[in-house]
Amino acid sequence: MSLPLRITFEGIDYTYRILTRMIDQHSKTIQIEIDGQEYTVFKNSKNEWDAQERTINDRAGVIKAIVRNVALRYRL
């Protein structure tokens, strides 16, 4: 498990962890934990990252911002 990372989205701070150990350019899924809740993000048919477990109550913008941050960090 990685160290907690922080992101500020719309003026609110969120803490997340990257649970997937080996991430490279060939990774198709990444597991992350946001404020104690686990999400699996994957590359969809449009080659965009999206969450599998997303529901109406989830913060879709936060998840996309975190995945964008992870993609930039690991040069995906």
Protein backbone atom coordinates (compact mmCIF):
# COMPACT_ATOMS: atom_id res chain seq x y z
CA MET A 1 0.00 0.00 0.00
CA SER A 2 1.28 3.45 -0.86
CA LEU A 3 1.49 6.55 1.25
CA PRO A 4 -1.61 8.74 1.35
CA LEU A 5 -1.77 11.35 -1.40
CA ARG A 6 -3.85 14.52 -1.32
CA ILE A 7 -5.80 16.41 -3.93
CA THR A 8 -7.92 19.52 -3.65
CA PHE A 9 -11.04 19.48 -5.80
CA GLU A 10 -13.53 22.36 -5.78
CA GLY A 11 -12.05 23.70 -2.55
CA ILE A 12 -12.28 20.39 -0.64
CA ASP A 13 -9.24 18.28 0.30
CA TYR A 14 -9.40 14.54 -0.41
CA THR A 15 -6.97 11.84 0.66
CA TYR A 16 -6.42 8.83 -1.53
CA ARG A 17 -4.11 5.83 -1.81
CA ILE A 18 -3.03 3.84 -4.83
CA LEU A 19 -3.56 0.17 -3.98
CA THR A 20 -2.18 -1.34 -7.21
CA ARG A 21 1.48 -2.18 -6.73
CA MET A 22 2.91 -2.24 -10.25
CA ILE A 23 1.57 0.45 -12.57
CA ASP A 24 3.02 0.92 -16.03
CA GLN A 25 1.84 2.01 -19.47
CA HIS A 26 0.25 -1.39 -20.08
CA SER A 27 -1.93 -1.31 -16.95
CA LYS A 28 -5.63 -1.73 -17.72
CA THR A 29 -7.00 -1.39 -14.17
CA ILE A 30 -5.89 0.53 -11.10
CA GLN A 31 -7.29 0.21 -7.60
CA ILE A 32 -7.48 3.35 -5.48
CA GLU A 33 -8.91 4.13 -2.07
CA ILE A 34 -10.62 7.48 -1.55
CA ASP A 35 -11.52 8.41 2.02
CA GLY A 36 -11.78 4.74 3.03
CA GLN A 37 -13.76 3.56 -0.02
CA GLU A 38 -12.11 1.38 -2.68
CA TYR A 39 -12.60 1.97 -6.40
CA THR A 40 -11.37 0.10 -9.45
CA VAL A 41 -10.69 2.33 -12.41
CA PHE A 42 -10.23 0.95 -15.91
CA LYS A 43 -9.62 2.13 -19.45
CA ASN A 44 -12.88 2.13 -21.39
CA SER A 45 -13.35 1.71 -25.15
CA LYS A 46 -12.64 5.44 -25.69
CA ASN A 47 -9.24 4.95 -23.98
CA GLU A 48 -10.40 7.08 -21.01
CA TRP A 49 -10.12 6.09 -17.35
CA ASP A 50 -13.45 5.44 -15.61
CA ALA A 51 -14.57 3.88 -12.30
CA GLN A 52 -16.35 0.52 -12.31
CA GLU A 53 -18.16 0.96 -8.97
CA ARG A 54 -19.42 4.46 -9.63
CA THR A 55 -22.95 5.26 -8.45
CA ILE A 56 -25.09 8.38 -8.56
CA ASN A 57 -23.97 9.40 -5.05
CA ASP A 58 -20.26 9.16 -5.89
CA ARG A 59 -18.25 12.21 -6.69
CA ALA A 60 -17.49 11.48 -10.37
CA GLY A 61 -15.50 14.69 -10.77
CA VAL A 62 -13.24 13.81 -7.85
CA ILE A 63 -12.61 10.31 -9.20
CA LYS A 64 -11.75 11.68 -12.65
CA ALA A 65 -9.41 14.30 -11.13
CA ILE A 66 -7.63 11.63 -9.07
CA VAL A 67 -7.30 9.29 -12.04
CA ARG A 68 -5.96 12.16 -14.15
CA ASN A 69 -3.42 12.86 -11.41
CA VAL A 70 -2.38 9.19 -11.26
CA ALA A 71 -2.11 9.01 -15.07
CA LEU A 72 0.18 12.04 -15.10
CA ARG A 73 2.23 10.70 -12.20
CA TYR A 74 2.86 7.33 -13.90
CA ARG A 75 2.86 8.71 -17.47
CA LEU A 76 -0.02 6.54 -18.62
